[in-house]
Amino acid sequence: MFKRFRKTSIAVALVATAGLAGAAIAQQKTMAIGTGGTGGVYYPLGGAIANVLSKALPNTQATAEVTGGSVDNLKLIASGQSELGFSMADAALDALNGQDKFKSGKVPLQTLLVVYPNRMHIVTIEGAGIEKMSDLKGKRVSTGSPGGATEVMAFRVIEAAGLDKDKDMKRERLGVAESVNAIKDRKIDAFFWVGGVPTAAVTDLAATPGMKIKFVDHADLAAKMNEKYGKLYSPSTISKSIYPGMDKDNANTEVWNIIVTGNKMSDDDAYNIVKTLVEKKADIVAVHKEAESFSLDNQVQERSPVPFHPGALKYFKEKGIGK
């Protein structure tokens, strides 16, 4: 009798334990983070963010997803396939308003964090005959992958320079890693890439024996771009110390990156995500130095055309950052 009671007690205990384990599994949150291609900056930063969030937030498993970039990330959020993602501010504004690549419908978005500025690289090599924007006429040029926002900004730079993206150049639609391979193989003469610095794929090109990298100055076009598209762009500089073989600083344009979510994230989740990213910044900087910009000073609406999530605003207010 005692033995039967003991076995029954053990069985009940096992069922109870299994039930608790099942409840724990049920409470586990998965969080997909839309990033970009493996040759850019979004992907390594996204991996670092996923690691930090998975460690810091209870019952949370975050993963960084390889994508085409901002446009893909925004569409993944719209379809519910990603909880958050990186985006350039200009692409996010288009999504919010249902314009350009988002004419099929507006995407309800909220900003969690303004992260770092993306700098437009217009890259060529010595011997391609390209010194200035007008020299792109008649050349073979990649303007970025269809799923990224490089293409969005590239078209605006080309337009501001008085060129026609369809008539004045033979245009390819390649991501940064593919663009680098194509220019190495002499299949294109130049490419556009908007990303953080240094971008691994561009560094690879700059360090390639027998090739000398060159950048096309275009900072003077920022004002004209802003006249048409709103105050999204600023003149910027890529220091000659960033990539091997640069002879001089590159005068370019920049746009801020933001991490966005849709309209379903709770205030508590948004608060905890933002708090973690700001307070664990050093862990992310260890993967890529652009994370230095994950600072409270940058959390101003002027850098994000998308409204901040109420949960993010709650954290900023606690830290004395008013909106």
Protein backbone atom coordinates (compact mmCIF):
# COMPACT_ATOMS: atom_id res chain seq x y z
CA MET A 1 0.00 0.00 0.00
CA PHE A 2 2.79 2.34 0.92
CA LYS A 3 4.63 1.57 -2.27
CA ARG A 4 1.54 2.28 -4.40
CA PHE A 5 0.99 5.59 -2.58
CA ARG A 6 4.61 6.56 -3.11
CA LYS A 7 4.44 5.80 -6.84
CA THR A 8 1.22 7.80 -7.14
CA SER A 9 2.82 10.74 -5.31
CA ILE A 10 5.81 10.64 -7.62
CA ALA A 11 3.54 10.48 -10.66
CA VAL A 12 1.56 13.49 -9.42
CA ALA A 13 4.80 15.37 -8.76
CA LEU A 14 6.06 14.58 -12.25
CA VAL A 15 2.82 15.73 -13.84
CA ALA A 16 2.95 18.93 -11.78
CA THR A 17 6.58 19.53 -12.76
CA ALA A 18 5.77 18.91 -16.41
CA GLY A 19 2.87 21.32 -16.11
CA LEU A 20 5.14 24.01 -14.68
CA ALA A 21 7.71 23.40 -17.44
CA GLY A 22 4.95 23.63 -20.02
CA ALA A 23 3.76 26.91 -18.52
CA ALA A 24 7.31 28.27 -18.65
CA ILE A 25 7.62 27.26 -22.29
CA ALA A 26 4.24 28.82 -23.04
CA GLN A 27 5.39 32.10 -21.51
CA GLN A 28 8.58 32.21 -23.60
CA LYS A 29 8.56 35.14 -26.01
CA THR A 30 10.24 34.94 -29.36
CA MET A 31 11.41 38.18 -30.90
CA ALA A 32 12.56 38.39 -34.52
CA ILE A 33 14.76 41.39 -35.37
CA GLY A 34 14.94 42.42 -39.02
CA THR A 35 18.51 43.45 -39.89
CA GLY A 36 20.17 43.43 -43.33
CA GLY A 37 22.73 41.58 -45.42
CA THR A 38 25.75 39.92 -43.88
CA GLY A 39 28.15 42.44 -45.46
CA GLY A 40 26.54 45.46 -43.79
CA VAL A 41 26.30 46.87 -40.26
CA TYR A 42 22.65 46.09 -39.38
CA TYR A 43 23.35 42.35 -39.24
CA PRO A 44 26.24 42.27 -36.74
CA LEU A 45 24.53 44.95 -34.63
CA GLY A 46 21.28 43.00 -34.76
CA GLY A 47 23.08 39.87 -33.60
CA ALA A 48 24.57 41.76 -30.66
CA ILE A 49 21.16 43.21 -29.77
CA ALA A 50 19.50 39.79 -29.96
CA ASN A 51 22.15 38.37 -27.64
CA VAL A 52 21.77 41.22 -25.11
CA LEU A 53 17.96 41.05 -25.10
CA SER A 54 17.91 37.24 -24.79
CA LYS A 55 20.20 37.42 -21.74
CA ALA A 56 18.58 40.41 -20.04
CA LEU A 57 14.86 39.85 -20.57
CA PRO A 58 13.20 36.91 -18.78
CA ASN A 59 11.70 34.18 -20.98
CA THR A 60 12.75 35.97 -24.15
CA GLN A 61 14.54 34.51 -27.15
CA ALA A 62 15.54 37.19 -29.66
CA THR A 63 17.01 36.34 -33.05
CA ALA A 64 18.59 38.50 -35.76
CA GLU A 65 17.18 37.75 -39.21
CA VAL A 66 19.15 38.31 -42.45
CA THR A 67 17.06 40.51 -44.77
CA GLY A 68 17.45 42.85 -47.72
CA GLY A 69 17.46 45.83 -45.35
CA SER A 70 15.09 48.59 -44.25
CA VAL A 71 12.30 48.05 -46.78
CA ASP A 72 12.17 44.31 -46.10
CA ASN A 73 12.26 44.94 -42.34
CA LEU A 74 9.32 47.32 -42.49
CA LYS A 75 7.29 44.88 -44.58
CA LEU A 76 8.10 42.05 -42.14
CA ILE A 77 6.80 44.18 -39.28
CA ALA A 78 3.67 45.01 -41.29
CA SER A 79 2.98 41.29 -41.87
CA GLY A 80 3.68 40.36 -38.24
CA GLN A 81 6.72 38.25 -39.10
CA SER A 82 9.12 40.47 -37.13
CA GLU A 83 8.62 42.22 -33.82
CA LEU A 84 11.21 44.92 -34.46
CA GLY A 85 13.71 45.95 -37.09
CA PHE A 86 16.28 48.46 -38.23
CA SER A 87 15.26 51.13 -40.71
CA MET A 88 16.59 54.29 -42.18
CA ALA A 89 14.41 57.26 -41.23
CA ASP A 90 13.45 58.05 -44.83
CA ALA A 91 12.18 54.54 -45.60
CA ALA A 92 10.28 54.44 -42.30
CA LEU A 93 8.55 57.72 -43.14
CA ASP A 94 7.54 56.33 -46.54
CA ALA A 95 6.09 53.24 -44.81
CA LEU A 96 4.21 55.35 -42.27
CA ASN A 97 2.68 57.45 -45.06
CA GLY A 98 2.13 54.61 -47.54
CA GLN A 99 4.41 56.14 -50.17
CA ASP A 100 6.96 54.96 -52.73
CA LYS A 101 7.72 51.28 -51.97
CA PHE A 102 4.72 51.15 -49.59
CA LYS A 103 1.93 52.29 -51.89
CA SER A 104 0.04 49.07 -51.12
CA GLY A 105 -0.72 50.39 -47.63
CA LYS A 106 0.49 52.39 -44.66
CA VAL A 107 2.53 50.58 -42.01
CA PRO A 108 1.68 51.54 -38.40
CA LEU A 109 5.09 52.12 -36.83
CA GLN A 110 6.56 53.33 -33.55
CA THR A 111 10.18 54.16 -32.84
CA LEU A 112 11.92 52.39 -29.99
CA LEU A 113 15.36 53.95 -30.34
CA VAL A 114 17.30 56.32 -32.59
CA VAL A 115 20.51 54.39 -33.11
CA TYR A 116 23.21 55.81 -35.41
CA PRO A 117 23.66 57.76 -38.67
CA ASN A 118 23.94 55.92 -41.99
CA ARG A 119 26.44 57.49 -44.37
CA MET A 120 25.94 57.32 -48.10
CA HIS A 121 28.98 55.72 -49.75
CA ILE A 122 29.30 56.27 -53.50
CA VAL A 123 32.15 53.91 -54.21
CA THR A 124 34.30 53.44 -57.28
CA ILE A 125 37.88 52.42 -58.02
CA GLU A 126 40.79 54.12 -59.69
CA GLY A 127 40.67 53.69 -63.45
CA ALA A 128 36.87 53.67 -63.70
CA GLY A 129 36.84 57.30 -64.86
CA ILE A 130 34.60 58.57 -62.07
CA GLU A 131 35.60 61.63 -60.07
CA LYS A 132 32.26 63.41 -59.53
CA MET A 133 28.53 62.70 -59.69
CA SER A 134 28.18 63.75 -63.34
CA ASP A 135 30.78 61.11 -64.28
CA LEU A 136 28.25 58.38 -63.41
CA LYS A 137 26.50 59.14 -66.70
CA GLY A 138 26.86 56.17 -69.03
CA LYS A 139 28.44 53.97 -66.34
CA ARG A 140 27.41 50.62 -64.90
CA VAL A 141 26.15 51.43 -61.40
CA SER A 142 24.53 49.44 -58.58
CA THR A 143 22.01 51.45 -56.58
CA GLY A 144 21.39 48.85 -53.87
CA SER A 145 19.18 45.82 -53.32
CA PRO A 146 15.40 46.06 -53.86
CA GLY A 147 14.72 45.21 -50.21
CA GLY A 148 16.97 47.88 -48.73
CA ALA A 149 16.76 51.63 -48.28
CA THR A 150 20.07 52.25 -50.07
CA GLU A 151 17.99 52.29 -53.24
CA VAL A 152 15.57 54.85 -51.76
CA MET A 153 18.33 57.29 -50.85
CA ALA A 154 20.45 56.55 -53.94
CA PHE A 155 17.58 57.56 -56.22
CA ARG A 156 17.22 60.81 -54.29
CA VAL A 157 20.96 61.58 -54.51
CA ILE A 158 20.95 60.83 -58.25
CA GLU A 159 17.88 63.04 -58.75
CA ALA A 160 19.43 65.91 -56.75
CA ALA A 161 22.54 65.67 -58.94
CA GLY A 162 20.38 66.26 -62.02
CA LEU A 163 20.76 62.73 -63.36
CA ASP A 164 18.11 60.25 -64.49
CA LYS A 165 18.44 56.90 -62.71
CA ASP A 166 16.91 55.04 -65.65
CA LYS A 167 18.33 56.86 -68.65
CA ASP A 168 21.75 58.08 -67.54
CA MET A 169 23.27 54.85 -66.24
CA LYS A 170 23.15 51.09 -66.64
CA ARG A 171 21.66 50.21 -63.30
CA GLU A 172 22.09 47.07 -61.21
CA ARG A 173 20.27 46.29 -57.93
CA LEU A 174 22.88 44.61 -55.73
CA GLY A 175 23.48 44.49 -51.99
CA VAL A 176 26.78 45.77 -50.66
CA ALA A 177 28.58 42.39 -50.62
CA GLU A 178 27.39 41.62 -54.16
CA SER A 179 28.36 45.14 -55.29
CA VAL A 180 31.88 44.66 -53.97
CA ASN A 181 32.23 41.35 -55.81
CA ALA A 182 30.87 42.92 -59.01
CA ILE A 183 33.28 45.87 -58.92
CA LYS A 184 36.19 43.50 -58.24
CA ASP A 185 35.17 41.53 -61.33
CA ARG A 186 34.83 44.80 -63.32
CA LYS A 187 31.14 44.10 -63.94
CA ILE A 188 30.15 47.50 -62.52
CA ASP A 189 31.99 50.82 -62.32
CA ALA A 190 30.52 52.18 -59.09
CA PHE A 191 27.96 51.42 -56.39
CA PHE A 192 25.83 53.18 -53.82
CA TRP A 193 25.73 51.90 -50.26
CA VAL A 194 24.27 53.66 -47.25
CA GLY A 195 25.47 52.18 -43.98
CA GLY A 196 27.48 52.59 -40.83
CA VAL A 197 31.24 52.97 -40.85
CA PRO A 198 33.22 50.95 -41.28
CA THR A 199 31.10 48.59 -43.39
CA ALA A 200 32.85 45.21 -43.58
CA ALA A 201 32.25 44.68 -47.32
CA VAL A 202 33.62 48.13 -48.20
CA THR A 203 36.66 47.50 -46.00
CA ASP A 204 37.20 44.28 -47.94
CA LEU A 205 37.21 46.17 -51.24
CA ALA A 206 39.52 48.86 -49.88
CA ALA A 207 42.00 46.21 -48.74
CA THR A 208 41.97 44.28 -52.04
CA PRO A 209 45.46 44.16 -53.61
CA GLY A 210 45.69 45.86 -57.00
CA MET A 211 42.62 48.05 -56.43
CA LYS A 212 42.46 51.59 -55.12
CA ILE A 213 39.14 52.63 -53.65
CA LYS A 214 37.66 56.06 -54.35
CA PHE A 215 34.58 57.84 -53.00
CA VAL A 216 32.45 60.42 -54.81
CA ASP A 217 31.77 63.64 -52.89
CA HIS A 218 28.11 64.74 -52.80
CA ALA A 219 27.48 66.53 -49.48
CA ASP A 220 26.30 69.60 -51.38
CA LEU A 221 23.17 67.68 -52.46
CA ALA A 222 21.68 67.33 -48.94
CA ALA A 223 19.85 70.68 -49.06
CA LYS A 224 18.21 69.88 -52.40
CA MET A 225 17.12 66.46 -51.15
CA ASN A 226 15.58 68.03 -48.04
CA GLU A 227 13.67 70.56 -50.13
CA LYS A 228 11.70 67.73 -51.71
CA TYR A 229 11.62 65.01 -49.06
CA GLY A 230 11.68 66.87 -45.74
CA LYS A 231 14.49 67.43 -43.28
CA LEU A 232 15.88 63.91 -43.31
CA TYR A 233 19.40 64.35 -44.66
CA SER A 234 22.54 66.14 -43.50
CA PRO A 235 26.00 66.76 -44.94
CA SER A 236 28.50 64.38 -43.37
CA THR A 237 32.03 63.06 -43.67
CA ILE A 238 33.73 59.70 -43.92
CA SER A 239 37.20 60.27 -42.51
CA LYS A 240 40.10 59.06 -44.63
CA SER A 241 41.13 56.96 -41.62
CA ILE A 242 38.02 54.73 -41.91
CA TYR A 243 38.92 52.67 -44.99
CA PRO A 244 42.40 51.60 -46.19
CA GLY A 245 43.75 53.53 -49.15
CA MET A 246 41.61 56.68 -48.85
CA ASP A 247 43.56 59.76 -49.95
CA LYS A 248 41.17 62.28 -48.43
CA ASP A 249 38.00 62.64 -46.39
CA ASN A 250 34.78 61.97 -48.29
CA ALA A 251 32.11 64.69 -48.14
CA ASN A 252 28.83 62.79 -48.22
CA THR A 253 25.27 62.73 -46.90
CA GLU A 254 23.76 60.91 -43.94
CA VAL A 255 20.39 59.83 -42.58
CA TRP A 256 19.63 58.46 -39.11
CA ASN A 257 18.78 54.85 -38.40
CA ILE A 258 16.00 53.89 -36.04
CA ILE A 259 14.79 50.67 -34.47
CA VAL A 260 11.06 50.40 -34.99
CA THR A 261 8.17 48.15 -34.06
CA GLY A 262 4.54 47.95 -35.16
CA ASN A 263 1.46 48.90 -33.16
CA LYS A 264 1.12 45.70 -31.12
CA MET A 265 4.04 45.85 -28.67
CA SER A 266 3.04 46.48 -25.05
CA ASP A 267 4.34 49.51 -23.18
CA ASP A 268 6.16 47.22 -20.72
CA ASP A 269 7.95 45.31 -23.47
CA ALA A 270 8.97 48.52 -25.25
CA TYR A 271 10.21 50.03 -21.98
CA ASN A 272 12.29 46.96 -21.13
CA ILE A 273 13.79 46.69 -24.61
CA VAL A 274 14.83 50.35 -24.73
CA LYS A 275 16.17 50.28 -21.17
CA THR A 276 18.25 47.19 -21.98
CA LEU A 277 19.69 48.59 -25.21
CA VAL A 278 20.72 51.86 -23.57
CA GLU A 279 22.08 50.33 -20.37
CA LYS A 280 23.84 47.39 -22.06
CA LYS A 281 25.31 49.56 -24.78
CA ALA A 282 28.89 48.57 -23.98
CA ASP A 283 28.12 44.94 -24.88
CA ILE A 284 26.84 46.05 -28.28
CA VAL A 285 29.75 48.46 -28.89
CA ALA A 286 32.07 45.48 -28.42
CA VAL A 287 30.60 44.07 -31.66
CA HIS A 288 30.46 47.33 -33.67
CA LYS A 289 31.47 50.82 -32.65
CA GLU A 290 28.43 52.47 -34.28
CA ALA A 291 26.53 51.40 -31.16
CA GLU A 292 28.28 54.28 -29.38
CA SER A 293 25.39 56.34 -30.75
CA PHE A 294 22.81 54.32 -28.75
CA SER A 295 22.72 57.26 -26.34
CA LEU A 296 19.98 59.23 -24.65
CA ASP A 297 21.24 62.44 -26.26
CA ASN A 298 20.17 61.14 -29.68
CA GLN A 299 16.57 60.38 -28.64
CA VAL A 300 15.01 63.45 -30.22
CA GLN A 301 12.02 63.40 -32.54
CA GLU A 302 13.93 65.48 -35.12
CA ARG A 303 16.01 62.38 -35.86
CA SER A 304 13.00 60.10 -36.21
CA PRO A 305 10.00 61.06 -38.34
CA VAL A 306 8.15 58.13 -36.72
CA PRO A 307 6.59 58.81 -33.27
CA PHE A 308 8.25 57.18 -30.28
CA HIS A 309 6.54 54.25 -28.56
CA PRO A 310 4.92 55.27 -25.22
CA GLY A 311 7.05 52.65 -23.45
CA ALA A 312 10.21 54.23 -24.86
CA LEU A 313 9.01 57.70 -23.82
CA LYS A 314 8.43 56.43 -20.28
CA TYR A 315 12.06 55.33 -20.03
CA PHE A 316 13.36 58.59 -21.53
CA LYS A 317 11.26 60.61 -19.08
CA GLU A 318 12.73 58.65 -16.16
CA LYS A 319 16.16 59.58 -17.44
CA GLY A 320 15.26 63.27 -17.75
CA ILE A 321 14.91 63.31 -21.52
CA GLY A 322 11.75 65.27 -22.29
CA LYS A 323 9.72 64.92 -25.46
